[in-house]
């Protein structure tokens, strides 16, 4: 598993409308710009632009059916995105644990210094 994060991929899924589109495509199996625009608060043209971004990073793929382009989520690319998110989450969990230990150590030192000062003043 690669620990490198694909910035283009995360830029693409960073948009809430695109995430909602992925959810709809996963739920329905596939969809068109028209069918997605009927369920989203954006125009068909905006949906088409969002789909182009998702297609460029490989999260969706289009096939032509008559005059329509039907989009499907690429399961492998989505799984790759999930792995990356998990790796980033684990790295941040480790960082936060380290910050917590440092903060607790500082707090213990401050508490000990306060206790010593109080004992001297008694």
PDB file of N, CA and C in Angstrom:
ATOM      1  N   UNK A   1       0.846  -1.178   0.000  1.00  0.00           N
ATOM      2  CA  UNK A   1       0.000   0.000   0.000  1.00  0.00           C
ATOM      3  C   UNK A   1       0.881   1.227   0.000  1.00  0.00           C
ATOM      4  N   UNK A   2       0.612   2.143  -0.875  1.00  0.00           N
ATOM      5  CA  UNK A   2       1.364   3.383  -0.942  1.00  0.00           C
ATOM      6  C   UNK A   2       0.873   4.336   0.133  1.00  0.00           C
ATOM      7  N   UNK A   3       1.815   5.019   0.786  1.00  0.00           N
ATOM      8  CA  UNK A   3       1.435   6.002   1.784  1.00  0.00           C
ATOM      9  C   UNK A   3       1.381   7.396   1.176  1.00  0.00           C
ATOM     10  N   UNK A   4       1.707   7.511  -0.121  1.00  0.00           N
ATOM     11  CA  UNK A   4       1.640   8.801  -0.777  1.00  0.00           C
ATOM     12  C   UNK A   4       0.189   9.201  -0.981  1.00  0.00           C
ATOM     13  N   UNK A   5      -0.080  10.472  -0.781  1.00  0.00           N
ATOM     14  CA  UNK A   5      -1.428  10.982  -0.967  1.00  0.00           C
ATOM     15  C   UNK A   5      -1.505  11.651  -2.335  1.00  0.00           C
ATOM     16  N   UNK A   6      -2.495  11.293  -3.094  1.00  0.00           N
ATOM     17  CA  UNK A   6      -2.735  11.852  -4.421  1.00  0.00           C
ATOM     18  C   UNK A   6      -3.532  13.146  -4.252  1.00  0.00           C
ATOM     19  N   UNK A   7      -2.847  14.287  -4.370  1.00  0.00           N
ATOM     20  CA  UNK A   7      -3.504  15.575  -4.150  1.00  0.00           C
ATOM     21  C   UNK A   7      -4.647  15.821  -5.133  1.00  0.00           C
ATOM     22  N   UNK A   8      -4.496  15.395  -6.388  1.00  0.00           N
ATOM     23  CA  UNK A   8      -5.575  15.579  -7.366  1.00  0.00           C
ATOM     24  C   UNK A   8      -6.819  14.797  -6.953  1.00  0.00           C
ATOM     25  N   UNK A   9      -6.601  13.579  -6.482  1.00  0.00           N
ATOM     26  CA  UNK A   9      -7.714  12.750  -6.027  1.00  0.00           C
ATOM     27  C   UNK A   9      -8.433  13.418  -4.867  1.00  0.00           C
ATOM     28  N   UNK A  10      -7.657  13.910  -3.892  1.00  0.00           N
ATOM     29  CA  UNK A  10      -8.290  14.508  -2.714  1.00  0.00           C
ATOM     30  C   UNK A  10      -8.891  15.867  -3.010  1.00  0.00           C
ATOM     31  N   UNK A  11      -8.341  16.573  -3.972  1.00  0.00           N
ATOM     32  CA  UNK A  11      -8.961  17.819  -4.405  1.00  0.00           C
ATOM     33  C   UNK A  11     -10.325  17.510  -5.025  1.00  0.00           C
ATOM     34  N   UNK A  12     -10.382  16.438  -5.789  1.00  0.00           N
ATOM     35  CA  UNK A  12     -11.639  16.048  -6.434  1.00  0.00           C
ATOM     36  C   UNK A  12     -12.695  15.655  -5.409  1.00  0.00           C
ATOM     37  N   UNK A  13     -12.339  14.886  -4.413  1.00  0.00           N
ATOM     38  CA  UNK A  13     -13.345  14.451  -3.432  1.00  0.00           C
ATOM     39  C   UNK A  13     -13.515  15.457  -2.303  1.00  0.00           C
ATOM     40  N   UNK A  14     -12.748  16.533  -2.341  1.00  0.00           N
ATOM     41  CA  UNK A  14     -12.886  17.565  -1.324  1.00  0.00           C
ATOM     42  C   UNK A  14     -14.147  18.396  -1.488  1.00  0.00           C
ATOM     43  N   UNK A  15     -14.745  18.324  -2.639  1.00  0.00           N
ATOM     44  CA  UNK A  15     -15.950  19.103  -2.914  1.00  0.00           C
ATOM     45  C   UNK A  15     -17.190  18.317  -2.472  1.00  0.00           C
ATOM     46  N   UNK A  16     -18.057  18.921  -1.646  1.00  0.00           N
ATOM     47  CA  UNK A  16     -19.232  18.190  -1.151  1.00  0.00           C
ATOM     48  C   UNK A  16     -20.196  17.749  -2.243  1.00  0.00           C
ATOM     49  N   UNK A  17     -20.321  18.534  -3.306  1.00  0.00           N
ATOM     50  CA  UNK A  17     -21.211  18.134  -4.403  1.00  0.00           C
ATOM     51  C   UNK A  17     -20.673  16.879  -5.075  1.00  0.00           C
ATOM     52  N   UNK A  18     -19.370  16.810  -5.292  1.00  0.00           N
ATOM     53  CA  UNK A  18     -18.794  15.618  -5.921  1.00  0.00           C
ATOM     54  C   UNK A  18     -18.931  14.397  -5.009  1.00  0.00           C
ATOM     55  N   UNK A  19     -18.765  14.601  -3.702  1.00  0.00           N
ATOM     56  CA  UNK A  19     -18.957  13.466  -2.778  1.00  0.00           C
ATOM     57  C   UNK A  19     -20.392  12.968  -2.837  1.00  0.00           C
ATOM     58  N   UNK A  20     -21.343  13.885  -2.896  1.00  0.00           N
ATOM     59  CA  UNK A  20     -22.757  13.499  -2.996  1.00  0.00           C
ATOM     60  C   UNK A  20     -23.013  12.763  -4.311  1.00  0.00           C
ATOM     61  N   UNK A  21     -22.364  13.215  -5.389  1.00  0.00           N
ATOM     62  CA  UNK A  21     -22.519  12.537  -6.678  1.00  0.00           C
ATOM     63  C   UNK A  21     -22.000  11.108  -6.590  1.00  0.00           C
ATOM     64  N   UNK A  22     -20.855  10.931  -5.937  1.00  0.00           N
ATOM     65  CA  UNK A  22     -20.302   9.579  -5.772  1.00  0.00           C
ATOM     66  C   UNK A  22     -21.283   8.725  -4.985  1.00  0.00           C
ATOM     67  N   UNK A  23     -21.851   9.285  -3.920  1.00  0.00           N
ATOM     68  CA  UNK A  23     -22.851   8.544  -3.129  1.00  0.00           C
ATOM     69  C   UNK A  23     -24.030   8.107  -3.992  1.00  0.00           C
ATOM     70  N   UNK A  24     -24.532   9.027  -4.804  1.00  0.00           N
ATOM     71  CA  UNK A  24     -25.679   8.702  -5.669  1.00  0.00           C
ATOM     72  C   UNK A  24     -25.313   7.633  -6.695  1.00  0.00           C
ATOM     73  N   UNK A  25     -24.137   7.765  -7.286  1.00  0.00           N
ATOM     74  CA  UNK A  25     -23.712   6.763  -8.276  1.00  0.00           C
ATOM     75  C   UNK A  25     -23.529   5.397  -7.621  1.00  0.00           C
ATOM     76  N   UNK A  26     -22.990   5.377  -6.421  1.00  0.00           N
ATOM     77  CA  UNK A  26     -22.833   4.100  -5.718  1.00  0.00           C
ATOM     78  C   UNK A  26     -24.189   3.492  -5.382  1.00  0.00           C
ATOM     79  N   UNK A  27     -25.124   4.315  -4.955  1.00  0.00           N
ATOM     80  CA  UNK A  27     -26.454   3.818  -4.588  1.00  0.00           C
ATOM     81  C   UNK A  27     -27.221   3.311  -5.801  1.00  0.00           C
ATOM     82  N   UNK A  28     -27.085   4.021  -6.933  1.00  0.00           N
ATOM     83  CA  UNK A  28     -27.860   3.676  -8.123  1.00  0.00           C
ATOM     84  C   UNK A  28     -27.131   2.744  -9.086  1.00  0.00           C
ATOM     85  N   UNK A  29     -25.834   2.603  -8.932  1.00  0.00           N
ATOM     86  CA  UNK A  29     -25.058   1.778  -9.848  1.00  0.00           C
ATOM     87  C   UNK A  29     -24.440   2.580 -10.974  1.00  0.00           C
ATOM     88  N   UNK A  30     -25.187   3.560 -11.482  1.00  0.00           N
ATOM     89  CA  UNK A  30     -24.664   4.466 -12.502  1.00  0.00           C
ATOM     90  C   UNK A  30     -25.619   5.639 -12.631  1.00  0.00           C
ATOM     91  N   UNK A  31     -25.255   6.584 -13.483  1.00  0.00           N
ATOM     92  CA  UNK A  31     -26.125   7.733 -13.685  1.00  0.00           C
ATOM     93  C   UNK A  31     -25.592   8.617 -14.786  1.00  0.00           C
ATOM     94  N   UNK A  32     -26.434   9.537 -15.206  1.00  0.00           N
ATOM     95  CA  UNK A  32     -26.063  10.513 -16.233  1.00  0.00           C
ATOM     96  C   UNK A  32     -26.015  11.893 -15.575  1.00  0.00           C
ATOM     97  N   UNK A  33     -25.454  12.849 -16.303  1.00  0.00           N
ATOM     98  CA  UNK A  33     -25.434  14.222 -15.793  1.00  0.00           C
ATOM     99  C   UNK A  33     -26.861  14.704 -15.540  1.00  0.00           C
ATOM    100  N   UNK A  34     -27.767  14.326 -16.418  1.00  0.00           N
ATOM    101  CA  UNK A  34     -29.168  14.740 -16.270  1.00  0.00           C
ATOM    102  C   UNK A  34     -29.804  14.107 -15.043  1.00  0.00           C
ATOM    103  N   UNK A  35     -29.636  12.796 -14.880  1.00  0.00           N
ATOM    104  CA  UNK A  35     -30.264  12.127 -13.728  1.00  0.00           C
ATOM    105  C   UNK A  35     -29.680  12.621 -12.412  1.00  0.00           C
ATOM    106  N   UNK A  36     -28.389  12.915 -12.391  1.00  0.00           N
ATOM    107  CA  UNK A  36     -27.778  13.430 -11.168  1.00  0.00           C
ATOM    108  C   UNK A  36     -28.238  14.854 -10.875  1.00  0.00           C
ATOM    109  N   UNK A  37     -28.358  15.682 -11.917  1.00  0.00           N
ATOM    110  CA  UNK A  37     -28.763  17.083 -11.708  1.00  0.00           C
ATOM    111  C   UNK A  37     -30.187  17.178 -11.158  1.00  0.00           C
ATOM    112  N   UNK A  38     -31.012  16.176 -11.450  1.00  0.00           N
ATOM    113  CA  UNK A  38     -32.373  16.159 -10.926  1.00  0.00           C
ATOM    114  C   UNK A  38     -32.398  15.933  -9.421  1.00  0.00           C
ATOM    115  N   UNK A  39     -31.311  15.405  -8.877  1.00  0.00           N
ATOM    116  CA  UNK A  39     -31.258  15.071  -7.450  1.00  0.00           C
ATOM    117  C   UNK A  39     -30.291  15.953  -6.666  1.00  0.00           C
ATOM    118  N   UNK A  40     -29.686  16.903  -7.349  1.00  0.00           N
ATOM    119  CA  UNK A  40     -28.718  17.796  -6.716  1.00  0.00           C
ATOM    120  C   UNK A  40     -29.121  19.245  -6.937  1.00  0.00           C
ATOM    121  N   UNK A  41     -28.704  20.125  -6.038  1.00  0.00           N
ATOM    122  CA  UNK A  41     -29.079  21.539  -6.182  1.00  0.00           C
ATOM    123  C   UNK A  41     -28.155  22.323  -7.118  1.00  0.00           C
ATOM    124  N   UNK A  42     -27.753  21.683  -8.217  1.00  0.00           N
ATOM    125  CA  UNK A  42     -26.895  22.335  -9.208  1.00  0.00           C
ATOM    126  C   UNK A  42     -27.419  22.012 -10.602  1.00  0.00           C
ATOM    127  N   UNK A  43     -26.985  22.800 -11.570  1.00  0.00           N
ATOM    128  CA  UNK A  43     -27.449  22.600 -12.946  1.00  0.00           C
ATOM    129  C   UNK A  43     -26.813  21.367 -13.573  1.00  0.00           C
ATOM    130  N   UNK A  44     -27.397  20.937 -14.679  1.00  0.00           N
ATOM    131  CA  UNK A  44     -26.842  19.814 -15.419  1.00  0.00           C
ATOM    132  C   UNK A  44     -25.429  20.138 -15.884  1.00  0.00           C
ATOM    133  N   UNK A  45     -25.201  21.371 -16.313  1.00  0.00           N
ATOM    134  CA  UNK A  45     -23.868  21.769 -16.772  1.00  0.00           C
ATOM    135  C   UNK A  45     -22.848  21.693 -15.640  1.00  0.00           C
ATOM    136  N   UNK A  46     -23.253  22.109 -14.441  1.00  0.00           N
ATOM    137  CA  UNK A  46     -22.358  22.017 -13.284  1.00  0.00           C
ATOM    138  C   UNK A  46     -22.053  20.554 -12.960  1.00  0.00           C
ATOM    139  N   UNK A  47     -23.081  19.709 -13.040  1.00  0.00           N
ATOM    140  CA  UNK A  47     -22.877  18.275 -12.800  1.00  0.00           C
ATOM    141  C   UNK A  47     -21.895  17.714 -13.820  1.00  0.00           C
ATOM    142  N   UNK A  48     -22.047  18.097 -15.074  1.00  0.00           N
ATOM    143  CA  UNK A  48     -21.139  17.610 -16.118  1.00  0.00           C
ATOM    144  C   UNK A  48     -19.699  18.015 -15.815  1.00  0.00           C
ATOM    145  N   UNK A  49     -19.506  19.229 -15.340  1.00  0.00           N
ATOM    146  CA  UNK A  49     -18.149  19.675 -14.976  1.00  0.00           C
ATOM    147  C   UNK A  49     -17.602  18.888 -13.798  1.00  0.00           C
ATOM    148  N   UNK A  50     -18.434  18.642 -12.798  1.00  0.00           N
ATOM    149  CA  UNK A  50     -18.011  17.835 -11.649  1.00  0.00           C
ATOM    150  C   UNK A  50     -17.662  16.415 -12.083  1.00  0.00           C
ATOM    151  N   UNK A  51     -18.474  15.854 -12.967  1.00  0.00           N
ATOM    152  CA  UNK A  51     -18.195  14.503 -13.473  1.00  0.00           C
ATOM    153  C   UNK A  51     -16.871  14.470 -14.229  1.00  0.00           C
ATOM    154  N   UNK A  52     -16.568  15.530 -14.964  1.00  0.00           N
ATOM    155  CA  UNK A  52     -15.301  15.589 -15.698  1.00  0.00           C
ATOM    156  C   UNK A  52     -14.117  15.568 -14.727  1.00  0.00           C
ATOM    157  N   UNK A  53     -14.244  16.261 -13.607  1.00  0.00           N
ATOM    158  CA  UNK A  53     -13.183  16.249 -12.592  1.00  0.00           C
ATOM    159  C   UNK A  53     -13.025  14.841 -12.019  1.00  0.00           C
ATOM    160  N   UNK A  54     -14.134  14.215 -11.673  1.00  0.00           N
ATOM    161  CA  UNK A  54     -14.084  12.857 -11.118  1.00  0.00           C
ATOM    162  C   UNK A  54     -13.530  11.862 -12.134  1.00  0.00           C
ATOM    163  N   UNK A  55     -13.869  12.060 -13.406  1.00  0.00           N
ATOM    164  CA  UNK A  55     -13.365  11.195 -14.467  1.00  0.00           C
ATOM    165  C   UNK A  55     -11.853  11.376 -14.645  1.00  0.00           C
ATOM    166  N   UNK A  56     -11.404  12.619 -14.593  1.00  0.00           N
ATOM    167  CA  UNK A  56      -9.981  12.914 -14.787  1.00  0.00           C
ATOM    168  C   UNK A  56      -9.116  12.203 -13.733  1.00  0.00           C
ATOM    169  N   UNK A  57      -9.599  12.095 -12.494  1.00  0.00           N
ATOM    170  CA  UNK A  57      -8.811  11.430 -11.441  1.00  0.00           C
ATOM    171  C   UNK A  57      -9.116   9.936 -11.363  1.00  0.00           C
ATOM    172  N   UNK A  58     -10.030   9.464 -12.221  1.00  0.00           N
ATOM    173  CA  UNK A  58     -10.305   8.035 -12.295  1.00  0.00           C
ATOM    174  C   UNK A  58     -11.341   7.513 -11.326  1.00  0.00           C
ATOM    175  N   UNK A  59     -12.034   8.401 -10.606  1.00  0.00           N
ATOM    176  CA  UNK A  59     -13.049   7.921  -9.662  1.00  0.00           C
ATOM    177  C   UNK A  59     -14.322   7.465 -10.353  1.00  0.00           C
ATOM    178  N   UNK A  60     -14.591   8.004 -11.529  1.00  0.00           N
ATOM    179  CA  UNK A  60     -15.735   7.548 -12.319  1.00  0.00           C
ATOM    180  C   UNK A  60     -15.259   7.323 -13.743  1.00  0.00           C
ATOM    181  N   UNK A  61     -16.020   6.496 -14.445  1.00  0.00           N
ATOM    182  CA  UNK A  61     -15.749   6.243 -15.863  1.00  0.00           C
ATOM    183  C   UNK A  61     -17.070   6.314 -16.607  1.00  0.00           C
ATOM    184  N   UNK A  62     -17.006   6.848 -17.803  1.00  0.00           N
ATOM    185  CA  UNK A  62     -18.210   7.012 -18.614  1.00  0.00           C
ATOM    186  C   UNK A  62     -18.254   5.984 -19.720  1.00  0.00           C
ATOM    187  N   UNK A  63     -19.465   5.579 -20.031  1.00  0.00           N
ATOM    188  CA  UNK A  63     -19.695   4.756 -21.213  1.00  0.00           C
ATOM    189  C   UNK A  63     -20.853   5.412 -21.968  1.00  0.00           C
ATOM    190  N   UNK A  64     -20.813   5.272 -23.276  1.00  0.00           N
ATOM    191  CA  UNK A  64     -21.845   5.892 -24.105  1.00  0.00           C
ATOM    192  C   UNK A  64     -22.955   4.890 -24.358  1.00  0.00           C
ATOM    193  N   UNK A  65     -24.166   5.353 -24.097  1.00  0.00           N
ATOM    194  CA  UNK A  65     -25.360   4.540 -24.355  1.00  0.00           C
ATOM    195  C   UNK A  65     -26.313   5.419 -25.162  1.00  0.00           C
ATOM    196  N   UNK A  66     -26.273   5.262 -26.482  1.00  0.00           N
ATOM    197  CA  UNK A  66     -27.072   6.138 -27.346  1.00  0.00           C
ATOM    198  C   UNK A  66     -26.506   7.545 -27.278  1.00  0.00           C
ATOM    199  N   UNK A  67     -27.340   8.492 -26.922  1.00  0.00           N
ATOM    200  CA  UNK A  67     -26.897   9.884 -26.814  1.00  0.00           C
ATOM    201  C   UNK A  67     -26.410  10.225 -25.409  1.00  0.00           C
ATOM    202  N   UNK A  68     -26.551   9.302 -24.505  1.00  0.00           N
ATOM    203  CA  UNK A  68     -26.198   9.565 -23.110  1.00  0.00           C
ATOM    204  C   UNK A  68     -24.830   9.008 -22.754  1.00  0.00           C
ATOM    205  N   UNK A  69     -24.216   9.683 -21.812  1.00  0.00           N
ATOM    206  CA  UNK A  69     -22.993   9.160 -21.198  1.00  0.00           C
ATOM    207  C   UNK A  69     -23.365   8.738 -19.785  1.00  0.00           C
ATOM    208  N   UNK A  70     -23.201   7.453 -19.517  1.00  0.00           N
ATOM    209  CA  UNK A  70     -23.527   6.907 -18.200  1.00  0.00           C
ATOM    210  C   UNK A  70     -22.226   6.764 -17.407  1.00  0.00           C
ATOM    211  N   UNK A  71     -22.279   7.214 -16.182  1.00  0.00           N
ATOM    212  CA  UNK A  71     -21.102   7.208 -15.310  1.00  0.00           C
ATOM    213  C   UNK A  71     -21.257   6.174 -14.219  1.00  0.00           C
ATOM    214  N   UNK A  72     -20.135   5.508 -13.951  1.00  0.00           N
ATOM    215  CA  UNK A  72     -20.059   4.518 -12.865  1.00  0.00           C
ATOM    216  C   UNK A  72     -18.830   4.837 -12.029  1.00  0.00           C
ATOM    217  N   UNK A  73     -18.921   4.528 -10.734  1.00  0.00           N
ATOM    218  CA  UNK A  73     -17.775   4.703  -9.845  1.00  0.00           C
ATOM    219  C   UNK A  73     -16.781   3.590 -10.108  1.00  0.00           C
ATOM    220  N   UNK A  74     -15.506   3.930 -10.154  1.00  0.00           N
ATOM    221  CA  UNK A  74     -14.438   2.944 -10.288  1.00  0.00           C
ATOM    222  C   UNK A  74     -14.124   2.430  -8.882  1.00  0.00           C
ATOM    223  N   UNK A  75     -14.540   1.198  -8.610  1.00  0.00           N
ATOM    224  CA  UNK A  75     -14.391   0.627  -7.267  1.00  0.00           C
ATOM    225  C   UNK A  75     -12.938   0.576  -6.806  1.00  0.00           C
ATOM    226  N   UNK A  76     -12.032   0.266  -7.708  1.00  0.00           N
ATOM    227  CA  UNK A  76     -10.618   0.168  -7.350  1.00  0.00           C
ATOM    228  C   UNK A  76     -10.057   1.536  -6.952  1.00  0.00           C
ATOM    229  N   UNK A  77     -10.402   2.549  -7.725  1.00  0.00           N
ATOM    230  CA  UNK A  77      -9.917   3.899  -7.416  1.00  0.00           C
ATOM    231  C   UNK A  77     -10.547   4.422  -6.124  1.00  0.00           C
ATOM    232  N   UNK A  78     -11.808   4.099  -5.897  1.00  0.00           N
ATOM    233  CA  UNK A  78     -12.466   4.502  -4.658  1.00  0.00           C
ATOM    234  C   UNK A  78     -11.806   3.804  -3.465  1.00  0.00           C
ATOM    235  N   UNK A  79     -11.490   2.521  -3.623  1.00  0.00           N
ATOM    236  CA  UNK A  79     -10.800   1.788  -2.552  1.00  0.00           C
ATOM    237  C   UNK A  79      -9.431   2.409  -2.280  1.00  0.00           C
ATOM    238  N   UNK A  80      -8.749   2.851  -3.335  1.00  0.00           N
ATOM    239  CA  UNK A  80      -7.456   3.526  -3.183  1.00  0.00           C
ATOM    240  C   UNK A  80      -7.626   4.811  -2.372  1.00  0.00           C
ATOM    241  N   UNK A  81      -8.686   5.561  -2.667  1.00  0.00           N
ATOM    242  CA  UNK A  81      -8.958   6.799  -1.933  1.00  0.00           C
ATOM    243  C   UNK A  81      -9.223   6.499  -0.457  1.00  0.00           C
ATOM    244  N   UNK A  82      -9.966   5.448  -0.189  1.00  0.00           N
ATOM    245  CA  UNK A  82     -10.258   5.066   1.190  1.00  0.00           C
ATOM    246  C   UNK A  82      -8.978   4.660   1.919  1.00  0.00           C
ATOM    247  N   UNK A  83      -8.104   3.909   1.244  1.00  0.00           N
ATOM    248  CA  UNK A  83      -6.823   3.528   1.859  1.00  0.00           C
ATOM    249  C   UNK A  83      -5.996   4.755   2.197  1.00  0.00           C
ATOM    250  N   UNK A  84      -5.993   5.716   1.276  1.00  0.00           N
ATOM    251  CA  UNK A  84      -5.239   6.944   1.527  1.00  0.00           C
ATOM    252  C   UNK A  84      -5.821   7.699   2.714  1.00  0.00           C
ATOM    253  N   UNK A  85      -7.138   7.787   2.782  1.00  0.00           N
ATOM    254  CA  UNK A  85      -7.777   8.475   3.891  1.00  0.00           C
ATOM    255  C   UNK A  85      -7.440   7.786   5.210  1.00  0.00           C
ATOM    256  N   UNK A  86      -7.483   6.465   5.223  1.00  0.00           N
ATOM    257  CA  UNK A  86      -7.143   5.729   6.431  1.00  0.00           C
ATOM    258  C   UNK A  86      -5.693   5.962   6.836  1.00  0.00           C
ATOM    259  N   UNK A  87      -4.785   5.994   5.854  1.00  0.00           N
ATOM    260  CA  UNK A  87      -3.369   6.233   6.152  1.00  0.00           C
ATOM    261  C   UNK A  87      -3.167   7.635   6.719  1.00  0.00           C
ATOM    262  N   UNK A  88      -3.818   8.612   6.123  1.00  0.00           N
ATOM    263  CA  UNK A  88      -3.712   9.980   6.625  1.00  0.00           C
ATOM    264  C   UNK A  88      -4.312  10.063   8.027  1.00  0.00           C
ATOM    265  N   UNK A  89      -5.449   9.412   8.228  1.00  0.00           N
ATOM    266  CA  UNK A  89      -6.081   9.406   9.551  1.00  0.00           C
ATOM    267  C   UNK A  89      -5.191   8.775  10.603  1.00  0.00           C
ATOM    268  N   UNK A  90      -4.541   7.683  10.265  1.00  0.00           N
ATOM    269  CA  UNK A  90      -3.634   7.019  11.212  1.00  0.00           C
ATOM    270  C   UNK A  90      -2.448   7.919  11.547  1.00  0.00           C
ATOM    271  N   UNK A  91      -1.911   8.586  10.533  1.00  0.00           N
ATOM    272  CA  UNK A  91      -0.777   9.481  10.769  1.00  0.00           C
ATOM    273  C   UNK A  91      -1.196  10.618  11.700  1.00  0.00           C
ATOM    274  N   UNK A  92      -2.373  11.178  11.469  1.00  0.00           N
ATOM    275  CA  UNK A  92      -2.834  12.263  12.333  1.00  0.00           C
ATOM    276  C   UNK A  92      -3.160  11.769  13.732  1.00  0.00           C
ATOM    277  N   UNK A  93      -3.698  10.545  13.861  1.00  0.00           N
ATOM    278  CA  UNK A  93      -3.932   9.974  15.186  1.00  0.00           C
ATOM    279  C   UNK A  93      -2.625   9.876  15.958  1.00  0.00           C
ATOM    280  N   UNK A  94      -1.569   9.428  15.287  1.00  0.00           N
ATOM    281  CA  UNK A  94      -0.254   9.319  15.934  1.00  0.00           C
ATOM    282  C   UNK A  94       0.248  10.691  16.368  1.00  0.00           C
ATOM    283  N   UNK A  95       0.106  11.669  15.497  1.00  0.00           N
ATOM    284  CA  UNK A  95       0.535  13.036  15.843  1.00  0.00           C
ATOM    285  C   UNK A  95      -0.245  13.571  17.034  1.00  0.00           C
ATOM    286  N   UNK A  96      -1.556  13.363  17.027  1.00  0.00           N
ATOM    287  CA  UNK A  96      -2.373  13.857  18.131  1.00  0.00           C
ATOM    288  C   UNK A  96      -2.019  13.152  19.446  1.00  0.00           C
ATOM    289  N   UNK A  97      -1.734  11.856  19.399  1.00  0.00           N
ATOM    290  CA  UNK A  97      -1.311  11.135  20.606  1.00  0.00           C
ATOM    291  C   UNK A  97      -0.014  11.715  21.144  1.00  0.00           C
ATOM    292  N   UNK A  98       0.909  12.025  20.247  1.00  0.00           N
ATOM    293  CA  UNK A  98       2.189  12.614  20.664  1.00  0.00           C
ATOM    294  C   UNK A  98       1.978  13.987  21.294  1.00  0.00           C
ATOM    295  N   UNK A  99       1.134  14.814  20.690  1.00  0.00           N
ATOM    296  CA  UNK A  99       0.826  16.133  21.252  1.00  0.00           C
ATOM    297  C   UNK A  99       0.183  15.985  22.627  1.00  0.00           C
ATOM    298  N   UNK A 100      -0.700  15.028  22.767  1.00  0.00           N
ATOM    299  CA  UNK A 100      -1.363  14.793  24.053  1.00  0.00           C
ATOM    300  C   UNK A 100      -0.346  14.411  25.118  1.00  0.00           C
ATOM    301  N   UNK A 101       0.596  13.523  24.774  1.00  0.00           N
ATOM    302  CA  UNK A 101       1.622  13.111  25.753  1.00  0.00           C
ATOM    303  C   UNK A 101       2.492  14.298  26.157  1.00  0.00           C
ATOM    304  N   UNK A 102       2.856  15.139  25.208  1.00  0.00           N
ATOM    305  CA  UNK A 102       3.664  16.331  25.509  1.00  0.00           C
ATOM    306  C   UNK A 102       2.886  17.276  26.427  1.00  0.00           C
ATOM    307  N   UNK A 103       1.634  17.512  26.112  1.00  0.00           N
ATOM    308  CA  UNK A 103       0.810  18.403  26.924  1.00  0.00           C
ATOM    309  C   UNK A 103       0.642  17.858  28.343  1.00  0.00           C
ATOM    310  N   UNK A 104       0.440  16.539  28.459  1.00  0.00           N
ATOM    311  CA  UNK A 104       0.297  15.931  29.786  1.00  0.00           C
ATOM    312  C   UNK A 104       1.596  16.049  30.580  1.00  0.00           C
ATOM    313  N   UNK A 105       2.728  15.890  29.908  1.00  0.00           N
ATOM    314  CA  UNK A 105       4.023  16.027  30.568  1.00  0.00           C
ATOM    315  C   UNK A 105       4.221  17.461  31.068  1.00  0.00           C
ATOM    316  N   UNK A 106       3.878  18.433  30.247  1.00  0.00           N
ATOM    317  CA  UNK A 106       3.990  19.840  30.657  1.00  0.00           C
ATOM    318  C   UNK A 106       3.077  20.113  31.845  1.00  0.00           C
ATOM    319  N   UNK A 107       1.868  19.567  31.796  1.00  0.00           N
ATOM    320  CA  UNK A 107       0.919  19.774  32.891  1.00  0.00           C
ATOM    321  C   UNK A 107       1.441  19.163  34.188  1.00  0.00           C
ATOM    322  N   UNK A 108       2.012  17.958  34.115  1.00  0.00           N
ATOM    323  CA  UNK A 108       2.580  17.326  35.318  1.00  0.00           C
ATOM    324  C   UNK A 108       3.704  18.182  35.898  1.00  0.00           C
ATOM    325  N   UNK A 109       4.579  18.687  35.027  1.00  0.00           N
ATOM    326  CA  UNK A 109       5.686  19.537  35.470  1.00  0.00           C
ATOM    327  C   UNK A 109       5.146  20.803  36.133  1.00  0.00           C
ATOM    328  N   UNK A 110       4.147  21.418  35.519  1.00  0.00           N
ATOM    329  CA  UNK A 110       3.546  22.622  36.104  1.00  0.00           C
ATOM    330  C   UNK A 110       2.893  22.326  37.446  1.00  0.00           C
ATOM    331  N   UNK A 111       2.197  21.189  37.534  1.00  0.00           N
ATOM    332  CA  UNK A 111       1.556  20.802  38.798  1.00  0.00           C
ATOM    333  C   UNK A 111       2.601  20.573  39.886  1.00  0.00           C
ATOM    334  N   UNK A 112       3.709  19.898  39.539  1.00  0.00           N
ATOM    335  CA  UNK A 112       4.782  19.661  40.512  1.00  0.00           C
ATOM    336  C   UNK A 112       5.406  20.969  40.964  1.00  0.00           C
ATOM    337  N   UNK A 113       5.659  21.888  40.038  1.00  0.00           N
ATOM    338  CA  UNK A 113       6.229  23.184  40.390  1.00  0.00           C
ATOM    339  C   UNK A 113       5.293  23.974  41.295  1.00  0.00           C
ATOM    340  N   UNK A 114       4.004  23.939  41.011  1.00  0.00           N
ATOM    341  CA  UNK A 114       3.015  24.624  41.838  1.00  0.00           C
ATOM    342  C   UNK A 114       2.980  24.012  43.235  1.00  0.00           C
ATOM    343  N   UNK A 115       3.012  22.668  43.313  1.00  0.00           N
ATOM    344  CA  UNK A 115       3.003  21.984  44.614  1.00  0.00           C
ATOM    345  C   UNK A 115       4.234  22.362  45.424  1.00  0.00           C
ATOM    346  N   UNK A 116       5.402  22.393  44.804  1.00  0.00           N
ATOM    347  CA  UNK A 116       6.653  22.755  45.489  1.00  0.00           C
ATOM    348  C   UNK A 116       6.603  24.193  45.996  1.00  0.00           C
ATOM    349  N   UNK A 117       6.089  25.076  45.155  1.00  0.00           N
ATOM    350  CA  UNK A 117       5.972  26.481  45.561  1.00  0.00           C
ATOM    351  C   UNK A 117       5.033  26.613  46.740  1.00  0.00           C
ATOM    352  N   UNK A 118       3.913  25.890  46.698  1.00  0.00           N
ATOM    353  CA  UNK A 118       2.954  25.936  47.804  1.00  0.00           C
ATOM    354  C   UNK A 118       3.578  25.400  49.088  1.00  0.00           C
ATOM    355  N   UNK A 119       4.377  24.319  49.000  1.00  0.00           N
ATOM    356  CA  UNK A 119       5.027  23.732  50.179  1.00  0.00           C
ATOM    357  C   UNK A 119       6.034  24.710  50.781  1.00  0.00           C
ATOM    358  N   UNK A 120       6.767  25.426  49.946  1.00  0.00           N
ATOM    359  CA  UNK A 120       7.762  26.408  50.425  1.00  0.00           C
ATOM    360  C   UNK A 120       7.074  27.576  51.112  1.00  0.00           C
ATOM    361  N   UNK A 121       5.900  27.950  50.663  1.00  0.00           N
ATOM    362  CA  UNK A 121       5.192  29.095  51.206  1.00  0.00           C
ATOM    363  C   UNK A 121       4.425  28.759  52.473  1.00  0.00           C
ATOM    364  N   UNK A 122       4.338  27.505  52.841  1.00  0.00           N
ATOM    365  CA  UNK A 122       3.588  27.111  54.046  1.00  0.00           C
ATOM    366  C   UNK A 122       4.360  27.308  55.285  1.00  0.00           C
TER     367      UNK A 122
END
